[in-house]
N, C-alpha and C. Protein backbone atom coordinates (compact mmCIF):
# COMPACT_ATOMS: atom_id res chain seq x y z
N PRO A 1 0.85 -1.21 0.06
CA PRO A 1 -0.01 -0.05 -0.06
C PRO A 1 0.77 1.31 0.02
N PHE A 2 0.36 2.19 -0.58
CA PHE A 2 1.08 3.61 -0.56
C PHE A 2 0.09 4.66 -0.84
N VAL A 3 0.56 5.77 -0.58
CA VAL A 3 -0.29 7.03 -0.76
C VAL A 3 0.46 8.13 -1.70
N ILE A 4 -0.22 8.48 -2.69
CA ILE A 4 0.07 9.52 -3.67
C ILE A 4 -0.55 10.94 -3.30
N VAL A 5 0.26 11.85 -3.21
CA VAL A 5 -0.33 13.16 -3.05
C VAL A 5 -0.10 13.90 -4.30
N CYS A 6 -1.05 14.47 -4.71
CA CYS A 6 -0.97 15.37 -5.97
C CYS A 6 -1.55 16.84 -5.66
N ASN A 7 -0.73 17.64 -5.83
CA ASN A 7 -1.05 19.13 -5.60
C ASN A 7 -1.11 19.75 -6.99
N HIS A 8 -2.19 19.71 -7.60
CA HIS A 8 -2.44 20.11 -9.05
C HIS A 8 -2.53 21.71 -9.08
N GLN A 9 -2.27 22.33 -10.03
CA GLN A 9 -2.36 23.88 -10.05
C GLN A 9 -3.68 24.22 -10.96
N ALA A 10 -4.07 23.31 -11.83
CA ALA A 10 -5.29 23.63 -12.73
C ALA A 10 -6.00 22.38 -13.08
N SER A 11 -7.26 22.61 -13.56
CA SER A 11 -8.01 21.61 -13.87
C SER A 11 -7.52 20.62 -15.00
N LEU A 12 -6.72 21.16 -15.69
CA LEU A 12 -6.11 20.30 -16.76
C LEU A 12 -5.00 19.29 -16.32
N ASP A 13 -4.53 19.69 -15.03
CA ASP A 13 -3.50 18.71 -14.30
C ASP A 13 -4.27 17.21 -14.08
N LEU A 14 -5.49 17.35 -13.80
CA LEU A 14 -6.25 16.12 -13.60
C LEU A 14 -6.10 15.07 -14.56
N MET A 15 -5.93 15.56 -15.81
CA MET A 15 -5.92 14.50 -16.99
C MET A 15 -4.45 13.89 -16.94
N GLY A 16 -3.48 14.48 -16.55
CA GLY A 16 -2.09 14.05 -16.34
C GLY A 16 -1.86 12.95 -15.29
N MET A 17 -2.64 13.61 -14.08
CA MET A 17 -2.71 12.62 -12.98
C MET A 17 -3.42 11.37 -13.18
N VAL A 18 -4.38 11.26 -14.04
CA VAL A 18 -5.20 10.16 -14.30
C VAL A 18 -4.30 9.13 -15.08
N GLU A 19 -3.28 9.52 -15.71
CA GLU A 19 -2.40 8.62 -16.38
C GLU A 19 -1.33 8.08 -15.56
N VAL A 20 -0.97 8.67 -14.61
CA VAL A 20 0.18 8.21 -13.84
C VAL A 20 -0.51 7.37 -12.51
N ILE A 21 -1.65 7.52 -12.13
CA ILE A 21 -2.33 7.00 -10.89
C ILE A 21 -2.32 5.49 -11.27
N PRO A 22 -1.87 4.63 -10.45
CA PRO A 22 -2.15 3.06 -10.63
C PRO A 22 -3.57 2.65 -10.68
N GLU A 23 -3.83 1.54 -11.26
CA GLU A 23 -5.19 0.91 -11.26
C GLU A 23 -5.59 0.48 -9.84
N ARG A 24 -6.70 0.43 -9.41
CA ARG A 24 -7.23 -0.04 -8.26
C ARG A 24 -6.83 0.97 -7.18
N CYS A 25 -6.66 2.10 -7.58
CA CYS A 25 -6.29 3.28 -6.58
C CYS A 25 -7.73 3.93 -6.17
N VAL A 26 -7.56 4.34 -4.90
CA VAL A 26 -8.95 5.04 -4.34
C VAL A 26 -8.62 6.45 -4.23
N PRO A 27 -9.12 7.22 -5.05
CA PRO A 27 -9.04 8.78 -5.10
C PRO A 27 -9.78 9.44 -4.00
N ILE A 28 -9.18 10.37 -3.27
CA ILE A 28 -9.88 11.33 -2.23
C ILE A 28 -9.66 12.76 -2.73
N ALA A 29 -10.60 13.57 -2.62
CA ALA A 29 -10.43 14.95 -3.10
C ALA A 29 -11.19 15.81 -2.12
N LYS A 30 -10.81 17.09 -2.03
CA LYS A 30 -11.60 17.94 -1.34
C LYS A 30 -13.00 18.28 -1.91
N ARG A 31 -13.95 18.37 -0.99
CA ARG A 31 -15.37 18.56 -1.54
C ARG A 31 -15.68 19.67 -2.40
N GLU A 32 -14.82 20.65 -2.35
CA GLU A 32 -15.00 21.92 -3.11
C GLU A 32 -15.03 21.66 -4.63
N LEU A 33 -14.23 20.45 -4.94
CA LEU A 33 -14.09 20.17 -6.46
C LEU A 33 -15.48 19.71 -6.92
N LEU A 34 -16.36 19.04 -6.12
CA LEU A 34 -17.75 18.80 -6.45
C LEU A 34 -18.56 19.85 -7.22
N TYR A 35 -18.15 21.06 -6.78
CA TYR A 35 -19.06 22.13 -7.27
C TYR A 35 -18.31 22.82 -8.47
N LEU A 36 -17.45 22.39 -9.10
CA LEU A 36 -16.77 22.90 -10.32
C LEU A 36 -17.34 22.45 -11.69
N GLY A 37 -18.76 22.45 -11.79
CA GLY A 37 -19.41 22.06 -12.94
C GLY A 37 -19.01 20.86 -13.63
N THR A 38 -18.39 20.92 -14.88
CA THR A 38 -18.20 19.56 -15.57
C THR A 38 -17.14 18.93 -14.89
N VAL A 39 -16.01 19.52 -14.23
CA VAL A 39 -15.08 18.79 -13.51
C VAL A 39 -15.66 18.12 -12.19
N GLY A 40 -16.59 18.72 -11.71
CA GLY A 40 -17.16 18.13 -10.42
C GLY A 40 -17.95 16.92 -10.79
N TRP A 41 -18.81 17.02 -11.92
CA TRP A 41 -19.56 15.81 -12.28
C TRP A 41 -18.67 14.75 -12.70
N ALA A 42 -17.56 14.93 -13.37
CA ALA A 42 -16.44 13.99 -13.94
C ALA A 42 -16.07 13.26 -12.61
N CYS A 43 -15.62 14.11 -11.54
CA CYS A 43 -15.10 13.52 -10.32
C CYS A 43 -15.98 12.59 -9.72
N TRP A 44 -17.29 13.07 -9.53
CA TRP A 44 -18.20 12.24 -8.92
C TRP A 44 -18.50 11.04 -9.76
N LEU A 45 -18.58 11.21 -10.97
CA LEU A 45 -19.03 9.84 -11.75
C LEU A 45 -17.74 8.86 -11.69
N SER A 46 -16.61 9.36 -11.45
CA SER A 46 -15.45 8.46 -11.54
C SER A 46 -15.19 7.81 -10.16
N GLY A 47 -16.05 8.20 -9.11
CA GLY A 47 -16.00 7.49 -7.81
C GLY A 47 -15.08 8.24 -6.99
N ILE A 48 -14.62 9.40 -7.20
CA ILE A 48 -13.77 10.08 -6.18
C ILE A 48 -14.56 10.17 -4.82
N ILE A 49 -13.77 10.05 -3.70
CA ILE A 49 -14.40 10.16 -2.44
C ILE A 49 -14.08 11.53 -1.90
N PHE A 50 -15.17 12.44 -1.57
CA PHE A 50 -14.89 13.70 -1.26
C PHE A 50 -14.95 14.05 0.13
N ILE A 51 -13.94 14.83 0.65
CA ILE A 51 -13.76 15.14 1.99
C ILE A 51 -14.14 16.57 2.24
N GLU A 52 -14.84 16.87 3.37
CA GLU A 52 -15.13 18.24 3.67
C GLU A 52 -14.09 18.72 4.62
N ARG A 53 -13.23 19.62 4.16
CA ARG A 53 -11.94 19.99 4.91
C ARG A 53 -12.29 20.85 6.01
N GLN A 54 -13.49 21.71 5.98
CA GLN A 54 -13.80 22.48 7.11
C GLN A 54 -14.23 21.87 8.42
N CYS A 55 -14.80 20.49 8.26
CA CYS A 55 -15.30 19.94 9.37
C CYS A 55 -14.31 18.79 9.65
N ARG A 56 -13.47 18.89 10.61
CA ARG A 56 -12.39 17.99 10.93
C ARG A 56 -12.83 16.50 11.20
N ASP A 57 -13.89 16.46 12.07
CA ASP A 57 -14.52 15.27 12.59
C ASP A 57 -15.06 14.39 11.29
N ALA A 58 -15.72 15.10 10.49
CA ALA A 58 -16.36 14.38 9.40
C ALA A 58 -15.33 13.95 8.50
N ALA A 59 -14.32 14.75 8.22
CA ALA A 59 -13.12 14.34 7.29
C ALA A 59 -12.61 13.09 7.80
N ILE A 60 -12.25 13.19 9.11
CA ILE A 60 -11.64 11.89 9.81
C ILE A 60 -12.56 10.70 9.75
N GLY A 61 -13.69 10.80 9.92
CA GLY A 61 -14.70 9.71 9.73
C GLY A 61 -14.59 9.10 8.23
N VAL A 62 -14.80 10.06 7.16
CA VAL A 62 -14.75 9.51 5.81
C VAL A 62 -13.46 8.87 5.59
N ILE A 63 -12.34 9.37 5.93
CA ILE A 63 -10.98 8.73 5.85
C ILE A 63 -10.90 7.38 6.57
N SER A 64 -11.43 7.17 7.67
CA SER A 64 -11.49 6.03 8.38
C SER A 64 -12.32 4.91 7.78
N ARG A 65 -13.48 5.33 7.42
CA ARG A 65 -14.29 4.39 6.76
C ARG A 65 -13.72 3.86 5.47
N THR A 66 -13.15 4.90 4.57
CA THR A 66 -12.42 4.48 3.41
C THR A 66 -11.17 3.58 3.58
N ALA A 67 -10.46 3.74 4.77
CA ALA A 67 -9.45 2.91 4.93
C ALA A 67 -9.84 1.46 5.32
N SER A 68 -10.84 1.41 5.91
CA SER A 68 -11.53 0.04 6.49
C SER A 68 -11.90 -0.70 5.12
N THR A 69 -12.57 -0.08 4.30
CA THR A 69 -13.10 -0.55 3.05
C THR A 69 -11.87 -0.89 2.15
N MET A 70 -10.91 -0.17 2.10
CA MET A 70 -9.79 -0.50 1.25
C MET A 70 -9.05 -1.83 1.90
N ARG A 71 -8.91 -1.87 3.15
CA ARG A 71 -8.49 -3.00 3.85
C ARG A 71 -9.12 -4.19 3.41
N ARG A 72 -10.48 -4.14 3.61
CA ARG A 72 -11.40 -5.19 3.36
C ARG A 72 -11.39 -5.73 1.90
N GLU A 73 -11.35 -4.85 1.06
CA GLU A 73 -11.33 -5.14 -0.52
C GLU A 73 -10.07 -5.17 -1.20
N ASN A 74 -8.93 -5.10 -0.23
CA ASN A 74 -7.61 -5.12 -0.62
C ASN A 74 -7.28 -4.39 -2.03
N VAL A 75 -7.49 -2.99 -1.89
CA VAL A 75 -7.24 -2.11 -2.92
C VAL A 75 -6.04 -1.03 -2.16
N ARG A 76 -5.63 -0.21 -3.12
CA ARG A 76 -4.57 0.76 -2.58
C ARG A 76 -5.39 2.13 -2.37
């Protein structure tokens, strides 16, 4: 298992990241991306897990549930 952290600068960077991220990877993104029109819809449809950064407890809960599911399903 490993963690890849991507700090992109523009929406177009997402296309490059898709090419380098391994298969069976679980993407997590800030919830603000969900509201970026077409980009938000594409993120949602691709199964990205969104985290509400302003609510620490909720973010930790989402990450914990995601980690449990990842271990159970043996994904990265």
